[in-house]
């Protein structure tokens, strides 16, 4: 019999309490060796005697020395109604590092073993308590660092992706059944009208739902990888001051000396519920300084990878430097949102600010661009003018990425996106083949392969190697 496995389920560091989790057959027996019950429901004297889903107060001792390590609360779970489907025990102790280490040491010396990364959740998956998408959502919930990321993770944890995958699989099975019947029993394989009807049904029941799911990754990616918001402009245009205001603390050094920021500087934060990576860049200008030139090159690279660009133009900036930045910014893909911010507005009057904005727009037009910035506004990091509009701009940029998808579920996991994109491609080819009147064997093979792809979402067709790889990324206590 394998030993029960244990690990600390709470993160490192000092806290009020910590939770040591132990699961597997014999968990209660190991706990009986080290825990002396003082008070429990039903007058239970040992952990084994405790009714499932009850809590007892007791002392955790080292049997070798008979010394008390800590006062603890013990919760017992009985198979199969536990997180892993196995007998399990959770020990709540004081949250000091030494206390946790000592409790784990004594458990290991008295019949338990250390859990592997993600072993608790992996066994919950193996026991059928959750599917693979829900198992991965467990870590997404733990890692969520914004309201929207948590909401998406909780949705998948509740089984929303599992249900969609099962619905798509059911539709694929139904279509395959029609194909098999046609191939085996119907002689007229050249019936193009019937094939066209199959193609229409396949597009409605499978292709459209798959397309909606994959398109939702445009938004979902941001929740897992963060929206990249790049702050750019010439030296001393107020970029670092804006970074500090948006991040809520003084992260960047701010001086009146042009070129203070000589490299990209990244800050992670949440703006209007959207997880954001703010990137302050070196001032873009021609320079003979080798170090500053590297920073300028990195700034240009950051702009090309941005989801949104905050382009700062100060009220006194000259036409030459404005023109130098127009091409790299206005050539960005349409999906990249651009905000033109006339910065340091508190140092000038309203007419000067307006004239500078009109100058920039005129120069953009003169360069032959019909596209305009998605936002134009004045900005003062000193007074806070324009900050609310910038926050609304960032939230709007996120919301627009979901405009093409009618799916309420967001894909946030790159693995899910890749396997569903593969399935979408195969279903699309199958539909095209049916409309072209090709023999059914080809579309049928494509649909079987697509069914395998969709099965990788829930774990029905996933390899043991992939399962091990996924759970190896989990923390040990989960």
Protein backbone atom coordinates (compact mmCIF):
# COMPACT_ATOMS: atom_id res chain seq x y z
CA UNK A 1 0.00 0.00 0.00
CA UNK A 2 1.33 3.43 -0.95
CA UNK A 3 1.91 5.84 1.89
CA UNK A 4 -0.43 8.79 2.40
CA UNK A 5 1.14 11.99 1.03
CA UNK A 6 1.35 15.35 2.73
CA UNK A 7 2.37 18.96 2.09
CA UNK A 8 1.78 22.46 3.40
CA UNK A 9 -1.15 23.96 1.47
CA UNK A 10 -0.45 27.55 2.54
CA UNK A 11 2.35 29.70 1.10
CA UNK A 12 5.75 30.26 2.72
CA UNK A 13 6.14 33.01 5.28
CA UNK A 14 4.81 33.83 8.72
CA UNK A 15 1.01 33.83 9.10
CA UNK A 16 -1.68 33.41 11.72
CA UNK A 17 -2.33 29.81 10.72
CA UNK A 18 -1.01 27.29 8.22
CA UNK A 19 -2.71 24.20 6.79
CA UNK A 20 -0.95 20.87 6.38
CA UNK A 21 -2.83 18.58 4.01
CA UNK A 22 -2.51 14.76 4.05
CA UNK A 23 -4.38 12.43 1.68
CA UNK A 24 -4.40 8.76 0.75
CA UNK A 25 -5.39 5.52 2.42
CA UNK A 26 -4.12 5.44 5.99
CA UNK A 27 -4.15 9.21 6.53
CA UNK A 28 -6.23 8.93 9.70
CA UNK A 29 -4.00 6.14 11.05
CA UNK A 30 -0.89 8.29 10.59
CA UNK A 31 -2.68 11.20 12.26
CA UNK A 32 -3.59 8.97 15.24
CA UNK A 33 0.12 8.46 15.93
CA UNK A 34 0.84 12.16 16.28
CA UNK A 35 -2.38 13.88 17.37
CA UNK A 36 -3.99 13.67 20.81
CA UNK A 37 -7.65 14.70 20.56
CA UNK A 38 -8.82 17.01 23.36
CA UNK A 39 -12.29 17.85 22.09
CA UNK A 40 -14.30 16.42 19.19
CA UNK A 41 -17.87 15.86 18.06
CA UNK A 42 -19.35 12.61 19.34
CA UNK A 43 -16.59 12.31 21.95
CA UNK A 44 -14.19 10.82 19.40
CA UNK A 45 -10.88 9.96 21.03
CA UNK A 46 -8.84 9.51 17.83
CA UNK A 47 -8.85 10.89 14.31
CA UNK A 48 -9.97 7.49 13.04
CA UNK A 49 -13.04 7.68 15.28
CA UNK A 50 -13.96 11.15 14.03
CA UNK A 51 -16.97 11.38 11.77
CA UNK A 52 -16.23 12.69 8.30
CA UNK A 53 -16.40 16.43 7.73
CA UNK A 54 -15.99 17.28 11.42
CA UNK A 55 -13.29 19.27 13.20
CA UNK A 56 -11.50 18.41 16.43
CA UNK A 57 -9.14 20.29 18.75
CA UNK A 58 -5.99 18.54 19.88
CA UNK A 59 -2.24 18.55 20.43
CA UNK A 60 0.30 17.58 17.79
CA UNK A 61 3.13 15.63 19.44
CA UNK A 62 6.41 14.00 18.46
CA UNK A 63 5.97 10.32 19.53
CA UNK A 64 9.74 9.84 19.89
CA UNK A 65 10.10 12.54 22.55
CA UNK A 66 6.47 12.86 23.61
CA UNK A 67 6.91 16.63 23.28
CA UNK A 68 4.09 18.86 22.09
CA UNK A 69 4.85 20.69 18.85
CA UNK A 70 1.66 22.75 18.57
CA UNK A 71 -2.01 23.07 19.35
CA UNK A 72 -3.94 22.16 16.21
CA UNK A 73 -7.39 21.83 14.68
CA UNK A 74 -7.94 18.64 12.67
CA UNK A 75 -10.51 18.17 9.91
CA UNK A 76 -11.29 14.69 8.61
CA UNK A 77 -12.61 13.83 5.15
CA UNK A 78 -13.78 10.36 4.14
CA UNK A 79 -13.51 8.71 0.73
CA UNK A 80 -14.96 9.19 -1.79
CA UNK A 81 -16.37 12.57 -0.71
CA UNK A 82 -13.15 14.56 -0.51
CA UNK A 83 -11.17 16.81 -2.84
CA UNK A 84 -9.03 13.92 -4.11
CA UNK A 85 -11.65 11.21 -3.64
CA UNK A 86 -9.45 9.64 -0.97
CA UNK A 87 -9.41 9.60 2.80
CA UNK A 88 -7.73 12.82 3.89
CA UNK A 89 -6.87 14.96 6.91
CA UNK A 90 -6.15 18.66 7.18
CA UNK A 91 -4.19 20.02 10.13
CA UNK A 92 -4.51 23.72 10.94
CA UNK A 93 -1.55 24.90 13.01
CA UNK A 94 0.15 28.18 13.88
CA UNK A 95 1.75 29.75 10.83
CA UNK A 96 5.41 29.90 11.87
CA UNK A 97 7.98 28.34 9.55
CA UNK A 98 9.47 26.11 12.26
CA UNK A 99 6.07 24.81 13.36
CA UNK A 100 5.23 23.75 9.80
CA UNK A 101 8.61 22.13 9.28
CA UNK A 102 8.34 20.18 12.52
CA UNK A 103 4.83 18.92 11.77
CA UNK A 104 5.88 17.76 8.32
CA UNK A 105 9.00 16.09 9.74
CA UNK A 106 6.97 14.13 12.28
CA UNK A 107 4.37 13.09 9.68
CA UNK A 108 7.14 11.79 7.40
CA UNK A 109 8.72 9.86 10.29
CA UNK A 110 5.39 8.25 11.13
CA UNK A 111 4.21 6.82 7.84
CA UNK A 112 3.56 9.66 5.39
CA UNK A 113 5.55 10.88 2.41
CA UNK A 114 5.94 14.29 0.75
CA UNK A 115 3.45 15.07 -1.98
CA UNK A 116 4.65 15.77 -5.49
CA UNK A 117 3.81 18.99 -7.38
CA UNK A 118 0.07 19.13 -7.99
CA UNK A 119 -0.46 15.59 -6.64
CA UNK A 120 -3.65 16.46 -4.75
CA UNK A 121 -5.30 18.00 -7.82
CA UNK A 122 -3.91 15.33 -10.14
CA UNK A 123 -5.53 12.62 -8.01
CA UNK A 124 -8.78 14.61 -8.00
CA UNK A 125 -8.61 14.50 -11.82
CA UNK A 126 -7.79 10.78 -11.90
CA UNK A 127 -10.67 10.08 -9.50
CA UNK A 128 -13.07 11.93 -11.80
CA UNK A 129 -13.78 14.68 -9.29
CA UNK A 130 -12.82 17.33 -11.84
CA UNK A 131 -11.85 17.32 -15.50
CA UNK A 132 -8.52 18.59 -16.82
CA UNK A 133 -9.82 22.09 -17.62
CA UNK A 134 -11.10 22.45 -14.04
CA UNK A 135 -7.81 21.15 -12.65
CA UNK A 136 -5.89 23.79 -14.61
CA UNK A 137 -8.40 26.41 -13.43
CA UNK A 138 -7.39 25.66 -9.83
CA UNK A 139 -3.98 27.20 -10.46
CA UNK A 140 -5.58 30.05 -12.42
CA UNK A 141 -7.71 30.91 -9.38
CA UNK A 142 -4.62 30.86 -7.16
CA UNK A 143 -2.63 33.00 -9.61
CA UNK A 144 -5.45 35.48 -10.39
CA UNK A 145 -4.29 39.00 -9.63
CA UNK A 146 -7.22 41.00 -10.99
CA UNK A 147 -10.99 40.91 -10.72
CA UNK A 148 -11.49 39.83 -14.33
CA UNK A 149 -8.84 37.11 -14.15
CA UNK A 150 -10.47 35.67 -11.03
CA UNK A 151 -13.91 35.76 -12.63
CA UNK A 152 -12.67 33.88 -15.71
CA UNK A 153 -10.84 31.29 -13.60
CA UNK A 154 -13.86 30.72 -11.35
CA UNK A 155 -16.04 30.22 -14.43
CA UNK A 156 -13.75 27.46 -15.72
CA UNK A 157 -13.45 25.94 -12.25
CA UNK A 158 -17.24 25.67 -12.11
CA UNK A 159 -17.15 23.59 -15.32
CA UNK A 160 -18.14 26.10 -18.02
CA UNK A 161 -15.34 25.09 -20.41
CA UNK A 162 -15.93 21.42 -19.63
CA UNK A 163 -19.60 21.80 -20.61
CA UNK A 164 -18.81 23.60 -23.85
CA UNK A 165 -16.21 20.99 -24.79
CA UNK A 166 -18.67 18.19 -24.08
CA UNK A 167 -21.39 19.89 -26.15
CA UNK A 168 -19.00 20.28 -29.10
CA UNK A 169 -17.87 16.66 -28.74
CA UNK A 170 -21.49 15.48 -28.74
CA UNK A 171 -22.16 17.40 -31.96
CA UNK A 172 -19.03 15.94 -33.56
CA UNK A 173 -20.10 12.42 -32.57
CA UNK A 174 -23.56 13.02 -34.09
CA UNK A 175 -22.06 14.23 -37.38
CA UNK A 176 -19.67 11.29 -37.51
CA UNK A 177 -22.59 8.89 -36.98
CA UNK A 178 -24.32 10.36 -40.05
CA UNK A 179 -21.11 10.01 -42.06
CA UNK A 180 -20.61 6.38 -41.03
CA UNK A 181 -24.21 5.54 -41.95
CA UNK A 182 -23.77 7.22 -45.32
CA UNK A 183 -20.50 5.45 -46.06
CA UNK A 184 -21.76 2.00 -45.00
CA UNK A 185 -25.32 1.93 -46.30
CA UNK A 186 -25.95 4.56 -48.95
CA UNK A 187 -24.82 3.98 -52.50
CA UNK A 188 -25.19 7.50 -53.91
CA UNK A 189 -21.95 9.07 -52.67
CA UNK A 190 -22.27 11.85 -55.25
CA UNK A 191 -25.31 13.42 -53.57
CA UNK A 192 -23.92 16.95 -53.31
CA UNK A 193 -27.12 18.35 -51.81
CA UNK A 194 -26.92 16.01 -48.82
CA UNK A 195 -23.24 16.80 -48.35
CA UNK A 196 -24.02 20.52 -48.45
CA UNK A 197 -26.65 19.99 -45.75
CA UNK A 198 -24.10 18.13 -43.64
CA UNK A 199 -21.67 21.03 -44.13
CA UNK A 200 -24.30 23.54 -43.02
CA UNK A 201 -25.14 21.49 -39.92
CA UNK A 202 -21.46 21.09 -39.09
CA UNK A 203 -20.84 24.81 -39.40
CA UNK A 204 -23.74 25.66 -37.11
CA UNK A 205 -23.28 23.01 -34.41
CA UNK A 206 -19.47 22.74 -34.30
CA UNK A 207 -17.57 25.34 -36.30
CA UNK A 208 -19.35 28.43 -34.92
CA UNK A 209 -19.03 27.42 -31.23
CA UNK A 210 -15.35 26.55 -31.78
CA UNK A 211 -14.75 29.86 -33.54
CA UNK A 212 -16.38 31.81 -30.70
CA UNK A 213 -14.21 30.02 -28.15
CA UNK A 214 -10.94 30.58 -29.99
CA UNK A 215 -11.75 34.24 -30.62
CA UNK A 216 -12.39 34.72 -26.91
CA UNK A 217 -8.64 34.13 -26.39
CA UNK A 218 -8.01 37.68 -27.63
CA UNK A 219 -9.43 38.84 -24.31
CA UNK A 220 -8.50 35.78 -22.28
CA UNK A 221 -4.82 36.06 -23.18
CA UNK A 222 -4.72 39.42 -21.45
CA UNK A 223 -6.06 37.91 -18.23
CA UNK A 224 -3.24 35.37 -18.11
CA UNK A 225 -0.42 37.32 -19.77
CA UNK A 226 -1.54 40.93 -19.00
CA UNK A 227 -2.25 43.77 -21.41
CA UNK A 228 1.00 45.34 -22.58
CA UNK A 229 0.59 49.12 -22.31
CA UNK A 230 3.66 50.96 -23.61
CA UNK A 231 4.35 54.56 -22.62
CA UNK A 232 6.47 56.29 -25.27
CA UNK A 233 7.65 59.72 -26.32
CA UNK A 234 10.79 61.80 -26.54
CA UNK A 235 13.01 62.32 -23.47
CA UNK A 236 11.47 64.44 -20.69
CA UNK A 237 7.91 64.19 -22.06
CA UNK A 238 6.53 62.90 -18.75
CA UNK A 239 6.57 59.15 -19.36
CA UNK A 240 7.97 58.13 -15.97
CA UNK A 241 5.61 60.47 -14.13
CA UNK A 242 2.66 58.84 -15.88
CA UNK A 243 3.98 55.37 -15.02
CA UNK A 244 4.13 56.35 -11.36
CA UNK A 245 0.60 57.77 -11.37
CA UNK A 246 -0.94 54.74 -13.10
CA UNK A 247 0.93 52.23 -10.93
CA UNK A 248 0.09 54.10 -7.74
CA UNK A 249 3.62 54.52 -6.41
CA UNK A 250 6.99 56.01 -7.36
CA UNK A 251 8.44 53.16 -9.40
CA UNK A 252 10.41 55.23 -11.91
CA UNK A 253 12.98 57.95 -11.22
CA UNK A 254 11.67 61.33 -12.34
CA UNK A 255 14.02 64.27 -13.03
CA UNK A 256 14.15 67.26 -15.34
CA UNK A 257 17.19 65.73 -17.05
CA UNK A 258 16.32 64.29 -20.50
CA UNK A 259 17.36 60.66 -20.86
CA UNK A 260 16.93 59.68 -17.21
CA UNK A 261 15.16 56.47 -18.27
CA UNK A 262 17.67 54.55 -20.37
CA UNK A 263 15.96 51.15 -20.55
CA UNK A 264 12.44 49.74 -20.51
CA UNK A 265 10.93 49.62 -17.03
CA UNK A 266 7.97 47.30 -16.37
CA UNK A 267 5.33 47.52 -13.65
CA UNK A 268 2.43 45.09 -13.21
CA UNK A 269 -0.83 46.50 -11.93
CA UNK A 270 -4.59 46.34 -12.41
CA UNK A 271 -6.52 49.15 -14.11
CA UNK A 272 -10.32 49.07 -14.06
CA UNK A 273 -10.13 45.34 -13.32
CA UNK A 274 -7.80 44.63 -16.26
CA UNK A 275 -4.40 43.10 -15.46
CA UNK A 276 -1.83 45.39 -17.07
CA UNK A 277 1.90 45.45 -17.65
CA UNK A 278 2.91 49.11 -17.88
CA UNK A 279 6.13 49.58 -19.82
CA UNK A 280 8.02 52.85 -19.46
CA UNK A 281 10.48 53.27 -22.32
CA UNK A 282 13.61 55.28 -22.91
CA UNK A 283 12.98 58.59 -24.64
CA UNK A 284 13.09 58.02 -28.40
CA UNK A 285 15.62 60.25 -30.10
CA UNK A 286 18.83 60.09 -32.11
CA UNK A 287 21.81 59.69 -29.78
CA UNK A 288 25.53 58.91 -29.89
CA UNK A 289 25.40 57.45 -26.37
CA UNK A 290 25.83 53.67 -26.81
CA UNK A 291 23.81 52.77 -23.70
CA UNK A 292 20.99 55.18 -24.48
CA UNK A 293 20.87 53.91 -28.09
CA UNK A 294 20.25 50.39 -26.79
CA UNK A 295 17.40 51.76 -24.69
CA UNK A 296 15.90 53.53 -27.73
CA UNK A 297 16.04 50.29 -29.75
CA UNK A 298 14.27 48.46 -26.93
CA UNK A 299 11.65 51.19 -26.80
CA UNK A 300 10.92 50.76 -30.50
CA UNK A 301 10.70 46.98 -30.05
CA UNK A 302 8.29 47.40 -27.12
CA UNK A 303 5.99 49.58 -29.24
CA UNK A 304 5.67 46.87 -31.90
CA UNK A 305 4.62 44.30 -29.24
CA UNK A 306 2.12 46.53 -27.45
CA UNK A 307 -1.61 46.00 -27.03
CA UNK A 308 -1.98 49.74 -26.38
CA UNK A 309 0.39 52.69 -26.77
CA UNK A 310 0.30 55.89 -24.70
CA UNK A 311 2.09 58.46 -26.90
CA UNK A 312 3.15 61.51 -24.90
CA UNK A 313 3.75 64.82 -26.68
CA UNK A 314 4.57 67.74 -24.39
CA UNK A 315 3.06 71.14 -25.04
CA UNK A 316 6.41 72.61 -26.17
CA UNK A 317 7.64 69.67 -28.28
CA UNK A 318 8.97 70.64 -31.71
CA UNK A 319 7.68 69.44 -35.07
CA UNK A 320 10.83 67.48 -35.92
CA UNK A 321 10.63 65.10 -32.93
CA UNK A 322 6.86 64.69 -33.33
CA UNK A 323 7.34 63.65 -36.96
CA UNK A 324 10.06 61.14 -36.01
CA UNK A 325 7.58 59.21 -33.87
CA UNK A 326 4.60 59.28 -36.23
CA UNK A 327 5.70 56.42 -38.50
CA UNK A 328 6.56 53.79 -35.84
CA UNK A 329 3.30 54.53 -34.00
CA UNK A 330 0.80 55.03 -36.84
CA UNK A 331 2.07 51.95 -38.71
CA UNK A 332 1.00 49.71 -35.84
CA UNK A 333 -1.77 47.17 -36.56
CA UNK A 334 -5.31 48.41 -36.14
CA UNK A 335 -5.71 46.05 -33.18
CA UNK A 336 -3.09 48.09 -31.29
CA UNK A 337 -4.90 50.98 -29.63
CA UNK A 338 -3.20 54.40 -29.65
CA UNK A 339 -3.72 57.26 -27.22
CA UNK A 340 -2.25 60.68 -28.05
CA UNK A 341 -1.60 62.50 -24.77
CA UNK A 342 -0.61 66.17 -24.75
CA UNK A 343 1.45 66.04 -21.58
CA UNK A 344 2.39 68.62 -18.94
CA UNK A 345 -0.87 70.44 -19.63
CA UNK A 346 -0.65 72.12 -16.22
CA UNK A 347 2.33 74.15 -17.46
CA UNK A 348 0.42 75.71 -20.39
CA UNK A 349 -2.91 77.36 -21.08
CA UNK A 350 -5.84 75.58 -22.72
CA UNK A 351 -5.28 77.19 -26.13
CA UNK A 352 -1.63 76.05 -26.27
CA UNK A 353 -2.68 72.48 -25.45
CA UNK A 354 -5.36 72.54 -28.14
CA UNK A 355 -2.96 73.97 -30.74
CA UNK A 356 -0.38 71.27 -30.00
CA UNK A 357 -2.99 68.55 -30.46
CA UNK A 358 -4.10 70.07 -33.78
CA UNK A 359 -0.47 70.26 -34.90
CA UNK A 360 0.10 66.57 -34.20
CA UNK A 361 -3.11 65.58 -36.02
CA UNK A 362 -2.11 67.74 -38.98
CA UNK A 363 1.35 66.15 -39.16
CA UNK A 364 -0.21 62.67 -39.06
CA UNK A 365 -2.45 63.61 -42.00
CA UNK A 366 0.46 65.14 -43.93
CA UNK A 367 2.33 61.82 -43.59
CA UNK A 368 -0.53 60.17 -45.47
CA UNK A 369 -2.21 58.35 -42.58
CA UNK A 370 -6.00 58.19 -42.59
CA UNK A 371 -6.04 56.48 -39.22
CA UNK A 372 -6.37 58.67 -36.16
CA UNK A 373 -5.43 57.94 -32.54
CA UNK A 374 -8.19 56.14 -30.63
CA UNK A 375 -7.94 58.73 -27.86
CA UNK A 376 -6.74 62.33 -27.85
CA UNK A 377 -6.63 64.16 -24.55
CA UNK A 378 -4.53 66.44 -22.39
CA UNK A 379 -2.53 65.00 -19.53
CA UNK A 380 -1.01 66.29 -16.33
CA UNK A 381 0.54 63.69 -14.07
CA UNK A 382 0.99 66.44 -11.49
CA UNK A 383 -2.72 67.32 -11.21
CA UNK A 384 -4.23 64.05 -12.41
CA UNK A 385 -5.88 65.62 -15.46
CA UNK A 386 -6.58 62.98 -18.12
CA UNK A 387 -5.85 59.97 -15.91
CA UNK A 388 -9.48 58.87 -15.77
CA UNK A 389 -9.74 58.98 -19.56
CA UNK A 390 -6.58 56.90 -19.86
CA UNK A 391 -7.99 54.27 -17.49
CA UNK A 392 -11.24 54.19 -19.48
CA UNK A 393 -9.20 53.88 -22.69
CA UNK A 394 -7.35 50.83 -21.33
CA UNK A 395 -10.58 49.16 -20.20
CA UNK A 396 -12.19 49.93 -23.56
CA UNK A 397 -9.19 48.43 -25.40
CA UNK A 398 -9.73 45.23 -23.40
CA UNK A 399 -13.50 45.17 -23.97
CA UNK A 400 -13.13 45.65 -27.72
CA UNK A 401 -11.04 42.51 -28.00
CA UNK A 402 -14.15 40.55 -27.06
CA UNK A 403 -16.45 42.36 -29.49
CA UNK A 404 -16.00 39.72 -32.22
CA UNK A 405 -16.91 36.82 -29.94
CA UNK A 406 -20.37 36.01 -28.60
CA UNK A 407 -18.97 33.50 -26.12
CA UNK A 408 -19.43 34.38 -22.45
CA UNK A 409 -16.60 31.97 -21.62
CA UNK A 410 -13.06 33.27 -22.02
CA UNK A 411 -10.16 31.02 -22.96
CA UNK A 412 -7.20 32.11 -20.84
CA UNK A 413 -4.96 29.05 -21.26
CA UNK A 414 -2.66 28.91 -24.29
CA UNK A 415 -2.87 25.09 -24.37
CA UNK A 416 -6.65 25.26 -24.65
CA UNK A 417 -6.39 27.86 -27.41
CA UNK A 418 -3.93 25.79 -29.44
CA UNK A 419 -5.86 22.50 -29.32
CA UNK A 420 -9.19 24.21 -30.09
CA UNK A 421 -7.57 26.15 -32.94
CA UNK A 422 -6.35 22.83 -34.33
CA UNK A 423 -9.87 21.40 -34.05
CA UNK A 424 -11.34 24.52 -35.71
CA UNK A 425 -8.94 24.19 -38.64
CA UNK A 426 -9.86 20.52 -39.18
CA UNK A 427 -13.60 21.17 -38.97
CA UNK A 428 -13.19 24.04 -41.43
CA UNK A 429 -11.38 21.77 -43.89
CA UNK A 430 -14.07 19.13 -43.45
CA UNK A 431 -16.79 21.65 -44.29
CA UNK A 432 -14.89 22.82 -47.37
CA UNK A 433 -14.46 19.23 -48.55
CA UNK A 434 -18.17 18.51 -48.11
CA UNK A 435 -19.15 21.60 -50.10
CA UNK A 436 -16.73 20.57 -52.83
CA UNK A 437 -18.47 17.18 -53.05
CA UNK A 438 -15.41 15.17 -51.96
CA UNK A 439 -15.79 11.57 -50.72
CA UNK A 440 -16.89 11.37 -47.08
CA UNK A 441 -13.89 9.42 -45.88
CA UNK A 442 -11.71 12.55 -45.85
CA UNK A 443 -14.09 14.75 -43.80
CA UNK A 444 -14.75 11.84 -41.45
CA UNK A 445 -11.02 11.44 -40.71
CA UNK A 446 -10.73 15.18 -40.09
CA UNK A 447 -13.66 15.14 -37.65
CA UNK A 448 -12.22 12.16 -35.73
CA UNK A 449 -8.96 14.07 -35.35
CA UNK A 450 -10.86 17.20 -34.26
CA UNK A 451 -12.69 15.09 -31.68
CA UNK A 452 -9.33 14.03 -30.26
CA UNK A 453 -8.30 17.69 -30.02
CA UNK A 454 -11.44 18.69 -28.12
CA UNK A 455 -10.96 15.69 -25.83
CA UNK A 456 -7.62 17.16 -24.74
CA UNK A 457 -9.50 19.99 -23.05
CA UNK A 458 -11.28 17.72 -20.58
CA UNK A 459 -8.58 15.03 -20.47
CA UNK A 460 -10.59 12.33 -22.26
CA UNK A 461 -7.98 11.93 -24.98
CA UNK A 462 -4.91 13.36 -23.28
CA UNK A 463 -1.66 11.43 -22.91
CA UNK A 464 -0.16 10.49 -19.55
CA UNK A 465 2.91 12.53 -20.48
CA UNK A 466 0.85 15.68 -21.00
CA UNK A 467 -1.02 15.12 -17.74
CA UNK A 468 2.28 14.78 -15.87
CA UNK A 469 3.61 17.92 -17.57
CA UNK A 470 0.55 19.97 -16.64
CA UNK A 471 0.55 18.95 -12.99
CA UNK A 472 4.30 19.34 -12.64
CA UNK A 473 3.70 23.11 -12.88
CA UNK A 474 1.44 23.11 -9.82
CA UNK A 475 2.64 24.07 -6.37
CA UNK A 476 3.40 21.12 -4.08
CA UNK A 477 0.51 21.78 -1.67
CA UNK A 478 -2.09 21.79 -4.43
